[in-house]
Amino acid sequence: MCTASNYITKKHYFGRNFDYEISYNERVCITPRNFIFSFRLIDDIKTHFAIIGITAGIDEYPLYYDACNEKGLSIAGLNFAGNACYLEEKKDMINITPFEFIPYLLSNFSTVSEVKKALKNINLVNINFSEGLPLSPLHWMISDENEAIVVEPLEDGLKVYDNPVGVLTNNPPFDKQLSTLNKYMGLSNKNPKNTFSDDYDLDEYSRGMGAIGLPGDLSSSSRFAKVAFTRANSHAGEGESESVSQFFHILHSVEQQKGCTFISEDLYEYTIYTSCYSTNDAVLYYTTYNNNQIAKVEMANENLGSDKLIFYDLIDEEKFLNVN
């Protein structure tokens, strides 16, 4: 299970918690402009926008979990088990596989507005990456500095939702996720007034009582409500360090600790990494489960005219600042 969000101060930030019980050797991958993207059913793309993101540990192809291109367009794919439906090839459509979806969009488009138009002609086909790597059931959040959308592959094709809250988790489908916020409309970052009864002198015995009822469990719907509330009421200065720090606080409010979500004996879902893209500058920040120190990778520091993928292993060992 995962949680994605955007956040806007002076710049646009985007990222996600990647929650799962098994790591696939995730690492940072930079795709330069001249790396040739080969597709299963459409022509290769030989030149394109440069891309930075986090991928599975596959050398020959960037299987992006989440990524951002040099124009500031960003995407994250989240688990959508029981709902995602991939189709057969369709004539007169752009037929791409789900694992090609992020590379195709980030190679070609600069804005969410452009993506919306392109989605009308895209069909996601049911072709596995390999025998050992079958397709994951996914839906996607796509964001830029002006708007965000959610894309869900259903039996009748791609469903596209505007995303006014800038948050996505897993299930249920996004329209139902959004409707759950109606249950929490009475919550506030301010202490409540007594509307229970005029007959009782009720006491404001603690700060934060305006958010009583905000869910704290690890289910998808609860994480959606928690991050939507936290993001909407979050306050940060407009500087890079303040904004990035606050973004991590937002997503870390729903991170999963090993042991709290049982999968099987000695196997638990946990937050493997948290990513944050400063999309205006194509900078990736991240933390991992075993390293709370924020790491930083700048795409502009690489040779973006190359045709070779660039990889950096995720740092997953705790780093301590020795003060004395």
C-alpha atoms as a PDB file:
ATOM      1  CA  MET A   1       0.000   0.000   0.000  1.00  0.00           C
ATOM      2  CA  CYS A   2       1.197   3.528  -0.715  1.00  0.00           C
ATOM      3  CA  THR A   3       0.371   7.206  -0.338  1.00  0.00           C
ATOM      4  CA  ALA A   4       1.131   9.972  -2.875  1.00  0.00           C
ATOM      5  CA  SER A   5       0.791  13.722  -2.469  1.00  0.00           C
ATOM      6  CA  ASN A   6       1.753  17.022  -3.972  1.00  0.00           C
ATOM      7  CA  TYR A   7       2.528  20.203  -2.052  1.00  0.00           C
ATOM      8  CA  ILE A   8       2.876  23.759  -3.283  1.00  0.00           C
ATOM      9  CA  THR A   9       4.693  26.628  -1.608  1.00  0.00           C
ATOM     10  CA  LYS A  10       6.813  28.839  -3.860  1.00  0.00           C
ATOM     11  CA  LYS A  11       7.556  25.686  -5.865  1.00  0.00           C
ATOM     12  CA  HIS A  12       5.778  22.437  -6.664  1.00  0.00           C
ATOM     13  CA  TYR A  13       6.695  19.296  -4.722  1.00  0.00           C
ATOM     14  CA  PHE A  14       5.507  15.771  -5.386  1.00  0.00           C
ATOM     15  CA  GLY A  15       6.233  12.358  -3.930  1.00  0.00           C
ATOM     16  CA  ARG A  16       5.035   9.278  -2.184  1.00  0.00           C
ATOM     17  CA  ASN A  17       5.462   6.644   0.488  1.00  0.00           C
ATOM     18  CA  PHE A  18       6.258   3.290  -1.072  1.00  0.00           C
ATOM     19  CA  ASP A  19       4.811   0.692   1.278  1.00  0.00           C
ATOM     20  CA  TYR A  20       5.325  -3.001   0.637  1.00  0.00           C
ATOM     21  CA  GLU A  21       6.505  -6.142   2.370  1.00  0.00           C
ATOM     22  CA  ILE A  22       9.333  -6.949  -0.073  1.00  0.00           C
ATOM     23  CA  SER A  23      11.994  -4.734  -1.605  1.00  0.00           C
ATOM     24  CA  TYR A  24      12.900  -5.163  -5.279  1.00  0.00           C
ATOM     25  CA  ASN A  25      16.254  -3.411  -4.817  1.00  0.00           C
ATOM     26  CA  GLU A  26      14.784   0.013  -5.511  1.00  0.00           C
ATOM     27  CA  ARG A  27      17.222   2.667  -6.662  1.00  0.00           C
ATOM     28  CA  VAL A  28      17.361   6.125  -8.171  1.00  0.00           C
ATOM     29  CA  CYS A  29      17.423   6.091 -11.965  1.00  0.00           C
ATOM     30  CA  ILE A  30      18.109   9.029 -14.286  1.00  0.00           C
ATOM     31  CA  THR A  31      17.095   8.493 -17.909  1.00  0.00           C
ATOM     32  CA  PRO A  32      19.023  10.916 -20.164  1.00  0.00           C
ATOM     33  CA  ARG A  33      17.441  12.437 -23.244  1.00  0.00           C
ATOM     34  CA  ASN A  34      18.991   9.992 -25.710  1.00  0.00           C
ATOM     35  CA  PHE A  35      18.297   6.693 -23.995  1.00  0.00           C
ATOM     36  CA  ILE A  36      16.175   4.715 -26.452  1.00  0.00           C
ATOM     37  CA  PHE A  37      12.829   3.718 -24.985  1.00  0.00           C
ATOM     38  CA  SER A  38      11.669   0.518 -26.679  1.00  0.00           C
ATOM     39  CA  PHE A  39       7.959  -0.228 -26.493  1.00  0.00           C
ATOM     40  CA  ARG A  40       6.125  -3.495 -27.108  1.00  0.00           C
ATOM     41  CA  LEU A  41       3.508  -2.225 -29.565  1.00  0.00           C
ATOM     42  CA  ILE A  42       4.503   1.272 -30.681  1.00  0.00           C
ATOM     43  CA  ASP A  43       7.635   2.794 -32.209  1.00  0.00           C
ATOM     44  CA  ASP A  44      10.735   3.441 -30.112  1.00  0.00           C
ATOM     45  CA  ILE A  45      11.269   6.898 -28.663  1.00  0.00           C
ATOM     46  CA  LYS A  46      14.864   7.898 -29.405  1.00  0.00           C
ATOM     47  CA  THR A  47      14.962  11.420 -27.962  1.00  0.00           C
ATOM     48  CA  HIS A  48      12.803  12.740 -25.152  1.00  0.00           C
ATOM     49  CA  PHE A  49      12.729  14.755 -21.954  1.00  0.00           C
ATOM     50  CA  ALA A  50      15.177  13.643 -19.271  1.00  0.00           C
ATOM     51  CA  ILE A  51      13.607  11.788 -16.337  1.00  0.00           C
ATOM     52  CA  ILE A  52      14.579  11.164 -12.717  1.00  0.00           C
ATOM     53  CA  GLY A  53      12.826   8.722 -10.434  1.00  0.00           C
ATOM     54  CA  ILE A  54      12.912   5.548  -8.395  1.00  0.00           C
ATOM     55  CA  THR A  55      12.819   2.202 -10.168  1.00  0.00           C
ATOM     56  CA  ALA A  56      12.974  -1.503  -9.488  1.00  0.00           C
ATOM     57  CA  GLY A  57      16.457  -2.968  -9.699  1.00  0.00           C
ATOM     58  CA  ILE A  58      16.338  -3.863 -13.389  1.00  0.00           C
ATOM     59  CA  ASP A  59      19.392  -2.796 -15.403  1.00  0.00           C
ATOM     60  CA  GLU A  60      18.014  -2.819 -18.939  1.00  0.00           C
ATOM     61  CA  TYR A  61      14.798  -0.805 -18.493  1.00  0.00           C
ATOM     62  CA  PRO A  62      13.692   1.869 -15.998  1.00  0.00           C
ATOM     63  CA  LEU A  63      10.654   0.360 -14.288  1.00  0.00           C
ATOM     64  CA  TYR A  64       9.654   3.608 -12.587  1.00  0.00           C
ATOM     65  CA  TYR A  65       7.543   3.545  -9.432  1.00  0.00           C
ATOM     66  CA  ASP A  66       7.490   7.356  -9.391  1.00  0.00           C
ATOM     67  CA  ALA A  67       9.339   9.960 -11.426  1.00  0.00           C
ATOM     68  CA  CYS A  68       9.597  13.545 -12.637  1.00  0.00           C
ATOM     69  CA  ASN A  69      10.784  14.923 -15.967  1.00  0.00           C
ATOM     70  CA  GLU A  70      12.873  18.015 -16.623  1.00  0.00           C
ATOM     71  CA  LYS A  71       9.728  20.039 -17.382  1.00  0.00           C
ATOM     72  CA  GLY A  72       8.272  19.446 -13.921  1.00  0.00           C
ATOM     73  CA  LEU A  73       5.653  16.817 -14.771  1.00  0.00           C
ATOM     74  CA  SER A  74       5.537  14.111 -12.105  1.00  0.00           C
ATOM     75  CA  ILE A  75       3.826  10.724 -11.759  1.00  0.00           C
ATOM     76  CA  ALA A  76       3.468   7.973  -9.160  1.00  0.00           C
ATOM     77  CA  GLY A  77       1.932   4.543  -9.634  1.00  0.00           C
ATOM     78  CA  LEU A  78       0.080   3.071  -6.644  1.00  0.00           C
ATOM     79  CA  ASN A  79      -1.325  -0.382  -6.033  1.00  0.00           C
ATOM     80  CA  PHE A  80      -4.954  -0.731  -7.187  1.00  0.00           C
ATOM     81  CA  ALA A  81      -5.591  -4.410  -6.506  1.00  0.00           C
ATOM     82  CA  GLY A  82      -9.008  -5.785  -7.386  1.00  0.00           C
ATOM     83  CA  ASN A  83      -9.893  -2.797  -9.559  1.00  0.00           C
ATOM     84  CA  ALA A  84      -7.196  -2.306 -12.213  1.00  0.00           C
ATOM     85  CA  CYS A  85      -8.170  -3.785 -15.564  1.00  0.00           C
ATOM     86  CA  TYR A  86      -5.755  -3.941 -18.497  1.00  0.00           C
ATOM     87  CA  LEU A  87      -7.184  -4.604 -21.953  1.00  0.00           C
ATOM     88  CA  GLU A  88      -6.323  -6.209 -25.256  1.00  0.00           C
ATOM     89  CA  GLU A  89      -4.734  -4.219 -28.078  1.00  0.00           C
ATOM     90  CA  LYS A  90      -7.150  -1.805 -29.744  1.00  0.00           C
ATOM     91  CA  LYS A  91      -7.001  -0.543 -33.295  1.00  0.00           C
ATOM     92  CA  ASP A  92      -6.458   3.202 -33.782  1.00  0.00           C
ATOM     93  CA  MET A  93      -5.277   3.621 -30.174  1.00  0.00           C
ATOM     94  CA  ILE A  94      -1.828   4.173 -28.678  1.00  0.00           C
ATOM     95  CA  ASN A  95      -1.311   0.728 -27.168  1.00  0.00           C
ATOM     96  CA  ILE A  96       1.215   0.745 -24.334  1.00  0.00           C
ATOM     97  CA  THR A  97       1.717  -1.518 -21.352  1.00  0.00           C
ATOM     98  CA  PRO A  98       1.280  -0.297 -17.765  1.00  0.00           C
ATOM     99  CA  PHE A  99       5.054  -0.491 -17.142  1.00  0.00           C
ATOM    100  CA  GLU A 100       5.537   1.787 -20.169  1.00  0.00           C
ATOM    101  CA  PHE A 101       2.961   4.323 -18.973  1.00  0.00           C
ATOM    102  CA  ILE A 102       5.280   6.538 -16.895  1.00  0.00           C
ATOM    103  CA  PRO A 103       8.133   6.472 -19.471  1.00  0.00           C
ATOM    104  CA  TYR A 104       5.741   7.291 -22.318  1.00  0.00           C
ATOM    105  CA  LEU A 105       4.073  10.236 -20.582  1.00  0.00           C
ATOM    106  CA  LEU A 106       7.245  11.741 -19.101  1.00  0.00           C
ATOM    107  CA  SER A 107       9.103  11.363 -22.402  1.00  0.00           C
ATOM    108  CA  ASN A 108       6.529  13.298 -24.372  1.00  0.00           C
ATOM    109  CA  PHE A 109       4.620  15.776 -22.211  1.00  0.00           C
ATOM    110  CA  SER A 110       5.308  18.850 -20.106  1.00  0.00           C
ATOM    111  CA  THR A 111       2.020  19.465 -18.320  1.00  0.00           C
ATOM    112  CA  VAL A 112      -1.016  17.710 -16.918  1.00  0.00           C
ATOM    113  CA  SER A 113      -3.135  19.546 -19.482  1.00  0.00           C
ATOM    114  CA  GLU A 114      -1.170  17.903 -22.305  1.00  0.00           C
ATOM    115  CA  VAL A 115      -1.472  14.507 -20.615  1.00  0.00           C
ATOM    116  CA  LYS A 116      -5.258  14.848 -20.339  1.00  0.00           C
ATOM    117  CA  LYS A 117      -5.535  15.261 -24.101  1.00  0.00           C
ATOM    118  CA  ALA A 118      -3.194  12.345 -24.793  1.00  0.00           C
ATOM    119  CA  LEU A 119      -5.070   9.989 -22.460  1.00  0.00           C
ATOM    120  CA  LYS A 120      -8.078  10.026 -24.778  1.00  0.00           C
ATOM    121  CA  ASN A 121      -6.068   7.919 -27.234  1.00  0.00           C
ATOM    122  CA  ILE A 122      -4.141   5.648 -24.844  1.00  0.00           C
ATOM    123  CA  ASN A 123      -5.020   2.012 -24.217  1.00  0.00           C
ATOM    124  CA  LEU A 124      -3.188   0.070 -21.500  1.00  0.00           C
ATOM    125  CA  VAL A 125      -2.615  -3.451 -22.748  1.00  0.00           C
ATOM    126  CA  ASN A 126      -2.220  -6.611 -20.709  1.00  0.00           C
ATOM    127  CA  ILE A 127       1.411  -7.529 -21.494  1.00  0.00           C
ATOM    128  CA  ASN A 128       3.797  -8.514 -18.688  1.00  0.00           C
ATOM    129  CA  PHE A 129       7.310  -7.126 -18.494  1.00  0.00           C
ATOM    130  CA  SER A 130       8.644 -10.670 -18.305  1.00  0.00           C
ATOM    131  CA  GLU A 131       7.663 -14.113 -17.077  1.00  0.00           C
ATOM    132  CA  GLY A 132       9.223 -13.346 -13.725  1.00  0.00           C
ATOM    133  CA  LEU A 133       7.797  -9.811 -13.516  1.00  0.00           C
ATOM    134  CA  PRO A 134       4.042  -9.795 -14.156  1.00  0.00           C
ATOM    135  CA  LEU A 135       2.081  -6.560 -14.264  1.00  0.00           C
ATOM    136  CA  SER A 136       1.110  -4.870 -11.024  1.00  0.00           C
ATOM    137  CA  PRO A 137      -2.475  -3.602 -10.667  1.00  0.00           C
ATOM    138  CA  LEU A 138      -1.978   0.171 -10.573  1.00  0.00           C
ATOM    139  CA  HIS A 139      -3.572   3.569 -10.761  1.00  0.00           C
ATOM    140  CA  TRP A 140      -1.606   6.795 -11.082  1.00  0.00           C
ATOM    141  CA  MET A 141      -1.455  10.318  -9.707  1.00  0.00           C
ATOM    142  CA  ILE A 142      -0.065  12.872 -12.177  1.00  0.00           C
ATOM    143  CA  SER A 143       0.814  16.391 -11.074  1.00  0.00           C
ATOM    144  CA  ASP A 144       2.414  19.653 -12.117  1.00  0.00           C
ATOM    145  CA  GLU A 145       2.508  23.080 -10.490  1.00  0.00           C
ATOM    146  CA  ASN A 146      -0.981  23.934 -11.754  1.00  0.00           C
ATOM    147  CA  GLU A 147      -3.129  20.813 -11.349  1.00  0.00           C
ATOM    148  CA  ALA A 148      -3.281  17.123 -10.492  1.00  0.00           C
ATOM    149  CA  ILE A 149      -5.252  14.201 -11.859  1.00  0.00           C
ATOM    150  CA  VAL A 150      -5.794  10.514 -11.084  1.00  0.00           C
ATOM    151  CA  VAL A 151      -5.851   7.919 -13.864  1.00  0.00           C
ATOM    152  CA  GLU A 152      -7.530   4.560 -13.278  1.00  0.00           C
ATOM    153  CA  PRO A 153      -7.615   1.649 -15.767  1.00  0.00           C
ATOM    154  CA  LEU A 154     -11.083   0.116 -15.739  1.00  0.00           C
ATOM    155  CA  GLU A 155     -12.985  -2.351 -17.926  1.00  0.00           C
ATOM    156  CA  ASP A 156     -14.253   0.405 -20.215  1.00  0.00           C
ATOM    157  CA  GLY A 157     -10.873   2.155 -20.520  1.00  0.00           C
ATOM    158  CA  LEU A 158      -9.052   4.879 -18.631  1.00  0.00           C
ATOM    159  CA  LYS A 159     -11.010   6.947 -16.124  1.00  0.00           C
ATOM    160  CA  VAL A 160      -9.526  10.393 -15.438  1.00  0.00           C
ATOM    161  CA  TYR A 161     -10.382  12.396 -12.320  1.00  0.00           C
ATOM    162  CA  ASP A 162      -9.351  15.904 -11.382  1.00  0.00           C
ATOM    163  CA  ASN A 163      -7.662  15.727  -7.979  1.00  0.00           C
ATOM    164  CA  PRO A 164      -8.476  18.848  -5.949  1.00  0.00           C
ATOM    165  CA  VAL A 165      -6.946  17.536  -2.708  1.00  0.00           C
ATOM    166  CA  GLY A 166      -3.597  16.492  -4.206  1.00  0.00           C
ATOM    167  CA  VAL A 167      -3.561  13.077  -2.495  1.00  0.00           C
ATOM    168  CA  LEU A 168      -3.965   9.446  -3.593  1.00  0.00           C
ATOM    169  CA  THR A 169      -3.804   6.120  -1.772  1.00  0.00           C
ATOM    170  CA  ASN A 170      -4.808   2.652  -2.984  1.00  0.00           C
ATOM    171  CA  ASN A 171      -8.401   1.517  -2.688  1.00  0.00           C
ATOM    172  CA  PRO A 172     -11.256   2.193  -3.159  1.00  0.00           C
ATOM    173  CA  PRO A 173     -11.360   4.013  -6.528  1.00  0.00           C
ATOM    174  CA  PHE A 174     -10.533   7.709  -6.321  1.00  0.00           C
ATOM    175  CA  ASP A 175     -14.102   9.044  -6.514  1.00  0.00           C
ATOM    176  CA  LYS A 176     -14.974   6.983  -3.442  1.00  0.00           C
ATOM    177  CA  GLN A 177     -11.772   8.039  -1.673  1.00  0.00           C
ATOM    178  CA  LEU A 178     -12.755  11.649  -2.241  1.00  0.00           C
ATOM    179  CA  SER A 179     -16.286  11.093  -0.938  1.00  0.00           C
ATOM    180  CA  THR A 180     -14.979   9.733   2.373  1.00  0.00           C
ATOM    181  CA  LEU A 181     -13.772  13.228   3.265  1.00  0.00           C
ATOM    182  CA  ASN A 182     -17.406  14.197   3.824  1.00  0.00           C
ATOM    183  CA  LYS A 183     -17.231  12.260   7.094  1.00  0.00           C
ATOM    184  CA  TYR A 184     -14.519  14.585   8.365  1.00  0.00           C
ATOM    185  CA  MET A 185     -15.848  18.002   7.333  1.00  0.00           C
ATOM    186  CA  GLY A 186     -16.228  19.018  10.968  1.00  0.00           C
ATOM    187  CA  LEU A 187     -12.542  18.617  11.727  1.00  0.00           C
ATOM    188  CA  SER A 188     -10.343  21.661  12.186  1.00  0.00           C
ATOM    189  CA  ASN A 189      -6.830  22.726  13.144  1.00  0.00           C
ATOM    190  CA  LYS A 190      -8.486  24.918  15.796  1.00  0.00           C
ATOM    191  CA  ASN A 191      -9.958  23.759  19.088  1.00  0.00           C
ATOM    192  CA  PRO A 192     -13.695  23.015  18.872  1.00  0.00           C
ATOM    193  CA  LYS A 193     -16.635  24.909  20.322  1.00  0.00           C
ATOM    194  CA  ASN A 194     -19.108  23.040  22.472  1.00  0.00           C
ATOM    195  CA  THR A 195     -22.023  22.207  20.182  1.00  0.00           C
ATOM    196  CA  PHE A 196     -22.759  18.926  21.990  1.00  0.00           C
ATOM    197  CA  SER A 197     -25.250  20.456  24.446  1.00  0.00           C
ATOM    198  CA  ASP A 198     -25.863  23.714  26.283  1.00  0.00           C
ATOM    199  CA  ASP A 199     -26.538  21.615  29.383  1.00  0.00           C
ATOM    200  CA  TYR A 200     -22.928  20.491  29.734  1.00  0.00           C
ATOM    201  CA  ASP A 201     -19.889  22.610  30.510  1.00  0.00           C
ATOM    202  CA  LEU A 202     -17.409  20.653  28.394  1.00  0.00           C
ATOM    203  CA  ASP A 203     -13.702  21.291  28.826  1.00  0.00           C
ATOM    204  CA  GLU A 204     -11.052  21.960  26.170  1.00  0.00           C
ATOM    205  CA  TYR A 205      -8.470  19.942  28.035  1.00  0.00           C
ATOM    206  CA  SER A 206      -5.888  19.722  25.239  1.00  0.00           C
ATOM    207  CA  ARG A 207      -4.640  21.409  22.137  1.00  0.00           C
ATOM    208  CA  GLY A 208      -5.450  19.612  18.876  1.00  0.00           C
ATOM    209  CA  MET A 209      -8.979  18.609  19.879  1.00  0.00           C
ATOM    210  CA  GLY A 210     -10.357  20.038  16.634  1.00  0.00           C
ATOM    211  CA  ALA A 211      -8.912  16.996  14.862  1.00  0.00           C
ATOM    212  CA  ILE A 212     -10.488  14.392  17.143  1.00  0.00           C
ATOM    213  CA  GLY A 213     -11.923  11.776  14.821  1.00  0.00           C
ATOM    214  CA  LEU A 214      -9.136  12.034  12.259  1.00  0.00           C
ATOM    215  CA  PRO A 215      -8.234   8.389  11.548  1.00  0.00           C
ATOM    216  CA  GLY A 216      -4.858   7.060  12.546  1.00  0.00           C
ATOM    217  CA  ASP A 217      -4.975   3.496  11.288  1.00  0.00           C
ATOM    218  CA  LEU A 218      -3.030   2.256   8.246  1.00  0.00           C
ATOM    219  CA  SER A 219      -5.892   1.448   5.872  1.00  0.00           C
ATOM    220  CA  SER A 220      -5.976   3.195   2.493  1.00  0.00           C
ATOM    221  CA  SER A 221      -9.066   5.275   3.245  1.00  0.00           C
ATOM    222  CA  SER A 222      -7.714   6.388   6.588  1.00  0.00           C
ATOM    223  CA  ARG A 223      -4.325   7.326   5.156  1.00  0.00           C
ATOM    224  CA  PHE A 224      -6.101   9.317   2.451  1.00  0.00           C
ATOM    225  CA  ALA A 225      -8.072  11.314   5.020  1.00  0.00           C
ATOM    226  CA  LYS A 226      -5.056  11.811   7.297  1.00  0.00           C
ATOM    227  CA  VAL A 227      -2.776  13.132   4.534  1.00  0.00           C
ATOM    228  CA  ALA A 228      -5.535  15.256   2.971  1.00  0.00           C
ATOM    229  CA  PHE A 229      -6.092  16.948   6.357  1.00  0.00           C
ATOM    230  CA  THR A 230      -2.375  17.278   7.124  1.00  0.00           C
ATOM    231  CA  ARG A 231      -1.553  18.650   3.678  1.00  0.00           C
ATOM    232  CA  ALA A 232      -4.471  21.118   3.662  1.00  0.00           C
ATOM    233  CA  ASN A 233      -3.527  22.531   7.069  1.00  0.00           C
ATOM    234  CA  SER A 234       0.225  22.303   6.667  1.00  0.00           C
ATOM    235  CA  HIS A 235       2.203  25.515   6.998  1.00  0.00           C
ATOM    236  CA  ALA A 236       5.736  26.004   5.726  1.00  0.00           C
ATOM    237  CA  GLY A 237       7.914  28.860   4.616  1.00  0.00           C
ATOM    238  CA  GLU A 238       8.575  29.174   0.887  1.00  0.00           C
ATOM    239  CA  GLY A 239      12.252  28.224   1.013  1.00  0.00           C
ATOM    240  CA  GLU A 240      13.486  24.904  -0.367  1.00  0.00           C
ATOM    241  CA  SER A 241      14.644  23.411   2.926  1.00  0.00           C
ATOM    242  CA  GLU A 242      11.456  24.385   4.775  1.00  0.00           C
ATOM    243  CA  SER A 243       9.237  23.100   1.980  1.00  0.00           C
ATOM    244  CA  VAL A 244      11.067  19.803   1.579  1.00  0.00           C
ATOM    245  CA  SER A 245      11.163  19.232   5.323  1.00  0.00           C
ATOM    246  CA  GLN A 246       7.429  19.892   5.621  1.00  0.00           C
ATOM    247  CA  PHE A 247       6.668  17.590   2.704  1.00  0.00           C
ATOM    248  CA  PHE A 248       8.411  14.719   4.470  1.00  0.00           C
ATOM    249  CA  HIS A 249       6.487  15.502   7.659  1.00  0.00           C
ATOM    250  CA  ILE A 250       3.228  15.254   5.694  1.00  0.00           C
ATOM    251  CA  LEU A 251       4.000  11.823   4.243  1.00  0.00           C
ATOM    252  CA  HIS A 252       5.699  10.528   7.370  1.00  0.00           C
ATOM    253  CA  SER A 253       2.423  11.155   9.209  1.00  0.00           C
ATOM    254  CA  VAL A 254       1.155   7.947   7.560  1.00  0.00           C
ATOM    255  CA  GLU A 255       4.340   5.900   7.255  1.00  0.00           C
ATOM    256  CA  GLN A 256       4.078   2.233   8.159  1.00  0.00           C
ATOM    257  CA  GLN A 257       6.272   0.648  10.810  1.00  0.00           C
ATOM    258  CA  LYS A 258       7.401  -2.968  10.536  1.00  0.00           C
ATOM    259  CA  GLY A 259       5.116  -5.168  12.573  1.00  0.00           C
ATOM    260  CA  CYS A 260       1.917  -3.125  12.325  1.00  0.00           C
ATOM    261  CA  THR A 261       0.632  -4.618   9.058  1.00  0.00           C
ATOM    262  CA  PHE A 262       0.964  -8.405   9.177  1.00  0.00           C
ATOM    263  CA  ILE A 263       1.347 -10.223   5.842  1.00  0.00           C
ATOM    264  CA  SER A 264       2.718 -13.596   6.901  1.00  0.00           C
ATOM    265  CA  GLU A 265       5.130 -15.040   9.423  1.00  0.00           C
ATOM    266  CA  ASP A 266       8.103 -12.617   9.697  1.00  0.00           C
ATOM    267  CA  LEU A 267       6.748 -10.564   6.774  1.00  0.00           C
ATOM    268  CA  TYR A 268       5.204  -7.134   7.330  1.00  0.00           C
ATOM    269  CA  GLU A 269       4.323  -4.222   5.094  1.00  0.00           C
ATOM    270  CA  TYR A 270       6.396  -1.130   5.848  1.00  0.00           C
ATOM    271  CA  THR A 271       7.434   2.175   4.263  1.00  0.00           C
ATOM    272  CA  ILE A 272      10.449   1.166   2.194  1.00  0.00           C
ATOM    273  CA  TYR A 273      11.099   4.732   1.033  1.00  0.00           C
ATOM    274  CA  THR A 274       9.581   8.194   0.888  1.00  0.00           C
ATOM    275  CA  SER A 275      10.313  10.365  -2.150  1.00  0.00           C
ATOM    276  CA  CYS A 276      10.013  14.112  -2.669  1.00  0.00           C
ATOM    277  CA  TYR A 277      10.569  15.753  -6.052  1.00  0.00           C
ATOM    278  CA  SER A 278      11.284  19.443  -6.239  1.00  0.00           C
ATOM    279  CA  THR A 279       9.857  19.407  -9.730  1.00  0.00           C
ATOM    280  CA  ASN A 280      10.851  22.899 -10.844  1.00  0.00           C
ATOM    281  CA  ASP A 281      14.498  21.853 -10.616  1.00  0.00           C
ATOM    282  CA  ALA A 282      14.169  18.053 -11.158  1.00  0.00           C
ATOM    283  CA  VAL A 283      15.724  17.317  -7.769  1.00  0.00           C
ATOM    284  CA  LEU A 284      14.865  14.096  -5.947  1.00  0.00           C
ATOM    285  CA  TYR A 285      14.989  13.905  -2.166  1.00  0.00           C
ATOM    286  CA  TYR A 286      14.313  10.661  -0.339  1.00  0.00           C
ATOM    287  CA  THR A 287      14.444   8.831   2.963  1.00  0.00           C
ATOM    288  CA  THR A 288      14.376   5.072   3.519  1.00  0.00           C
ATOM    289  CA  TYR A 289      13.126   2.908   6.353  1.00  0.00           C
ATOM    290  CA  ASN A 290      16.610   2.560   7.829  1.00  0.00           C
ATOM    291  CA  ASN A 291      17.854   6.060   6.984  1.00  0.00           C
ATOM    292  CA  ASN A 292      15.952   9.088   8.234  1.00  0.00           C
ATOM    293  CA  GLN A 293      18.529  11.519   6.879  1.00  0.00           C
ATOM    294  CA  ILE A 294      17.247  13.134   3.671  1.00  0.00           C
ATOM    295  CA  ALA A 295      19.328  12.204   0.624  1.00  0.00           C
ATOM    296  CA  LYS A 296      19.420  14.437  -2.467  1.00  0.00           C
ATOM    297  CA  VAL A 297      19.994  13.648  -6.157  1.00  0.00           C
ATOM    298  CA  GLU A 298      20.093  16.484  -8.714  1.00  0.00           C
ATOM    299  CA  MET A 299      19.364  15.507 -12.294  1.00  0.00           C
ATOM    300  CA  ALA A 300      21.098  18.638 -13.631  1.00  0.00           C
ATOM    301  CA  ASN A 301      24.441  17.363 -12.298  1.00  0.00           C
ATOM    302  CA  GLU A 302      24.441  14.494 -14.810  1.00  0.00           C
ATOM    303  CA  ASN A 303      25.190  14.326 -18.530  1.00  0.00           C
ATOM    304  CA  LEU A 304      21.622  14.516 -19.818  1.00  0.00           C
ATOM    305  CA  GLY A 305      22.740  14.190 -23.429  1.00  0.00           C
ATOM    306  CA  SER A 306      23.855  10.621 -22.805  1.00  0.00           C
ATOM    307  CA  ASP A 307      22.119   7.450 -23.997  1.00  0.00           C
ATOM    308  CA  LYS A 308      22.965   5.375 -20.899  1.00  0.00           C
ATOM    309  CA  LEU A 309      20.861   4.966 -17.768  1.00  0.00           C
ATOM    310  CA  ILE A 310      22.370   6.384 -14.562  1.00  0.00           C
ATOM    311  CA  PHE A 311      21.737   4.562 -11.273  1.00  0.00           C
ATOM    312  CA  TYR A 312      22.268   5.355  -7.596  1.00  0.00           C
ATOM    313  CA  ASP A 313      21.502   2.775  -4.922  1.00  0.00           C
ATOM    314  CA  LEU A 314      19.174   3.965  -2.186  1.00  0.00           C
ATOM    315  CA  ILE A 315      20.977   4.648   1.082  1.00  0.00           C
ATOM    316  CA  ASP A 316      19.342   2.330   3.603  1.00  0.00           C
ATOM    317  CA  GLU A 317      21.677   2.567   6.573  1.00  0.00           C
ATOM    318  CA  GLU A 318      21.044   5.029   9.376  1.00  0.00           C
ATOM    319  CA  LYS A 319      23.330   8.070   9.387  1.00  0.00           C
ATOM    320  CA  PHE A 320      23.926   9.779  12.713  1.00  0.00           C
ATOM    321  CA  LEU A 321      25.170  13.326  13.213  1.00  0.00           C
ATOM    322  CA  ASN A 322      27.720  13.142  16.013  1.00  0.00           C
ATOM    323  CA  VAL A 323      27.314  16.282  18.100  1.00  0.00           C
ATOM    324  CA  ASN A 324      30.001  15.544  20.718  1.00  0.00           C
END
